[in-house]
Amino acid sequence: MVRLCHLKFVARTVLVKNKNVDGAVSVLNRILSSEGVFAHFRRRMYYEKPWQVRRRVNIEICKAIYNEDMTNKITFTMRKNREEAWPGC
């Protein structure tokens, strides 16, 4: 087993089944990329100016608001216990 010193990697454990190391590495890469670990390290490789940080944070906030709004709209339209199938029409 390879030991990594970074704390974010310590809690991630992937089981290797039937000596399939490539599959375990791909699962680990998928987990780390979905949690944003790779993106964080890529951002930290170079200095990010304060205006770039503000811009990135504002874009992330806007994306989060948009995604939450769309999720609410989709869950509203997918409800099955509505009396009127098309409200407002």
C-alpha atoms as a PDB file:
ATOM      1  CA  MET A   1       0.000   0.000   0.000  1.00  0.00           C
ATOM      2  CA  VAL A   2       1.272   3.440  -0.892  1.00  0.00           C
ATOM      3  CA  ARG A   3       1.237   6.001   1.897  1.00  0.00           C
ATOM      4  CA  LEU A   4       0.358   9.562   1.075  1.00  0.00           C
ATOM      5  CA  CYS A   5       1.125  12.292   3.580  1.00  0.00           C
ATOM      6  CA  HIS A   6      -1.766  14.589   2.761  1.00  0.00           C
ATOM      7  CA  LEU A   7      -4.724  14.353   5.152  1.00  0.00           C
ATOM      8  CA  LYS A   8      -7.355  14.456   2.412  1.00  0.00           C
ATOM      9  CA  PHE A   9      -5.985  11.205   1.044  1.00  0.00           C
ATOM     10  CA  VAL A  10      -5.783   9.380   4.377  1.00  0.00           C
ATOM     11  CA  ALA A  11      -9.536   8.855   4.795  1.00  0.00           C
ATOM     12  CA  ARG A  12     -10.032   7.522   1.251  1.00  0.00           C
ATOM     13  CA  THR A  13      -9.845   3.728   1.094  1.00  0.00           C
ATOM     14  CA  VAL A  14     -10.497   1.697  -2.030  1.00  0.00           C
ATOM     15  CA  LEU A  15     -10.487  -2.094  -2.003  1.00  0.00           C
ATOM     16  CA  VAL A  16      -8.571  -3.909  -4.740  1.00  0.00           C
ATOM     17  CA  LYS A  17     -10.523  -6.941  -5.914  1.00  0.00           C
ATOM     18  CA  ASN A  18      -8.946  -9.774  -7.909  1.00  0.00           C
ATOM     19  CA  LYS A  19      -5.659  -7.849  -8.237  1.00  0.00           C
ATOM     20  CA  ASN A  20      -7.403  -5.222 -10.363  1.00  0.00           C
ATOM     21  CA  VAL A  21      -5.282  -2.212  -9.414  1.00  0.00           C
ATOM     22  CA  ASP A  22      -6.282  -0.164 -12.472  1.00  0.00           C
ATOM     23  CA  GLY A  23      -9.951  -0.382 -11.548  1.00  0.00           C
ATOM     24  CA  ALA A  24      -9.225   0.638  -7.952  1.00  0.00           C
ATOM     25  CA  VAL A  25      -7.162   3.618  -9.119  1.00  0.00           C
ATOM     26  CA  SER A  26      -9.940   4.739 -11.453  1.00  0.00           C
ATOM     27  CA  VAL A  27     -12.470   4.487  -8.597  1.00  0.00           C
ATOM     28  CA  LEU A  28     -10.159   6.523  -6.350  1.00  0.00           C
ATOM     29  CA  ASN A  29      -9.654   9.135  -9.082  1.00  0.00           C
ATOM     30  CA  ARG A  30     -13.420   9.383  -9.550  1.00  0.00           C
ATOM     31  CA  ILE A  31     -13.961   9.883  -5.814  1.00  0.00           C
ATOM     32  CA  LEU A  32     -11.257  12.538  -5.518  1.00  0.00           C
ATOM     33  CA  SER A  33     -12.371  14.435  -8.619  1.00  0.00           C
ATOM     34  CA  SER A  34     -16.010  14.465  -7.498  1.00  0.00           C
ATOM     35  CA  GLU A  35     -14.943  15.955  -4.162  1.00  0.00           C
ATOM     36  CA  GLY A  36     -12.898  18.635  -5.924  1.00  0.00           C
ATOM     37  CA  VAL A  37      -9.502  17.613  -4.547  1.00  0.00           C
ATOM     38  CA  PHE A  38      -7.770  17.682  -7.926  1.00  0.00           C
ATOM     39  CA  ALA A  39      -9.261  21.045  -8.853  1.00  0.00           C
ATOM     40  CA  HIS A  40      -8.118  22.473  -5.522  1.00  0.00           C
ATOM     41  CA  PHE A  41      -4.538  21.304  -6.059  1.00  0.00           C
ATOM     42  CA  ARG A  42      -4.507  22.592  -9.648  1.00  0.00           C
ATOM     43  CA  ARG A  43      -5.656  25.990  -8.389  1.00  0.00           C
ATOM     44  CA  ARG A  44      -2.956  26.032  -5.714  1.00  0.00           C
ATOM     45  CA  MET A  45      -0.137  25.335  -8.189  1.00  0.00           C
ATOM     46  CA  TYR A  46      -0.023  28.975  -9.239  1.00  0.00           C
ATOM     47  CA  TYR A  47      -0.785  32.226  -7.472  1.00  0.00           C
ATOM     48  CA  GLU A  48      -4.335  33.402  -7.955  1.00  0.00           C
ATOM     49  CA  LYS A  49      -4.773  37.149  -7.838  1.00  0.00           C
ATOM     50  CA  PRO A  50      -7.409  38.517  -5.446  1.00  0.00           C
ATOM     51  CA  TRP A  51      -9.679  39.703  -8.249  1.00  0.00           C
ATOM     52  CA  GLN A  52      -9.516  36.216  -9.787  1.00  0.00           C
ATOM     53  CA  VAL A  53     -10.436  34.670  -6.436  1.00  0.00           C
ATOM     54  CA  ARG A  54     -13.411  37.011  -6.073  1.00  0.00           C
ATOM     55  CA  ARG A  55     -14.520  36.282  -9.630  1.00  0.00           C
ATOM     56  CA  ARG A  56     -14.215  32.500  -9.160  1.00  0.00           C
ATOM     57  CA  VAL A  57     -16.081  32.571  -5.844  1.00  0.00           C
ATOM     58  CA  ASN A  58     -18.875  34.700  -7.323  1.00  0.00           C
ATOM     59  CA  ILE A  59     -19.211  32.310 -10.265  1.00  0.00           C
ATOM     60  CA  GLU A  60     -19.358  29.333  -7.887  1.00  0.00           C
ATOM     61  CA  ILE A  61     -22.057  31.061  -5.830  1.00  0.00           C
ATOM     62  CA  CYS A  62     -24.080  31.845  -8.960  1.00  0.00           C
ATOM     63  CA  LYS A  63     -23.779  28.240 -10.146  1.00  0.00           C
ATOM     64  CA  ALA A  64     -24.908  26.941  -6.754  1.00  0.00           C
ATOM     65  CA  ILE A  65     -27.943  29.265  -6.738  1.00  0.00           C
ATOM     66  CA  TYR A  66     -28.840  28.270 -10.306  1.00  0.00           C
ATOM     67  CA  ASN A  67     -28.476  24.552  -9.576  1.00  0.00           C
ATOM     68  CA  GLU A  68     -30.609  24.827  -6.438  1.00  0.00           C
ATOM     69  CA  ASP A  69     -33.298  26.757  -8.311  1.00  0.00           C
ATOM     70  CA  MET A  70     -33.358  24.246 -11.158  1.00  0.00           C
ATOM     71  CA  THR A  71     -33.525  21.342  -8.699  1.00  0.00           C
ATOM     72  CA  ASN A  72     -36.497  22.975  -6.984  1.00  0.00           C
ATOM     73  CA  LYS A  73     -38.246  23.530 -10.326  1.00  0.00           C
ATOM     74  CA  ILE A  74     -37.613  19.955 -11.446  1.00  0.00           C
ATOM     75  CA  THR A  75     -38.840  18.463  -8.179  1.00  0.00           C
ATOM     76  CA  PHE A  76     -41.926  20.697  -8.350  1.00  0.00           C
ATOM     77  CA  THR A  77     -42.829  19.587 -11.860  1.00  0.00           C
ATOM     78  CA  MET A  78     -42.083  15.916 -11.134  1.00  0.00           C
ATOM     79  CA  ARG A  79     -44.470  15.733  -8.180  1.00  0.00           C
ATOM     80  CA  LYS A  80     -47.206  13.174  -8.676  1.00  0.00           C
ATOM     81  CA  ASN A  81     -49.683  14.264  -6.008  1.00  0.00           C
ATOM     82  CA  ARG A  82     -50.702  17.523  -7.691  1.00  0.00           C
ATOM     83  CA  GLU A  83     -54.407  18.149  -8.273  1.00  0.00           C
ATOM     84  CA  GLU A  84     -53.814  20.201 -11.394  1.00  0.00           C
ATOM     85  CA  ALA A  85     -51.257  18.735 -13.799  1.00  0.00           C
ATOM     86  CA  TRP A  86     -50.347  22.053 -15.426  1.00  0.00           C
ATOM     87  CA  PRO A  87     -50.701  24.903 -12.924  1.00  0.00           C
ATOM     88  CA  GLY A  88     -51.143  28.337 -14.444  1.00  0.00           C
ATOM     89  CA  CYS A  89     -52.379  27.129 -17.857  1.00  0.00           C
END
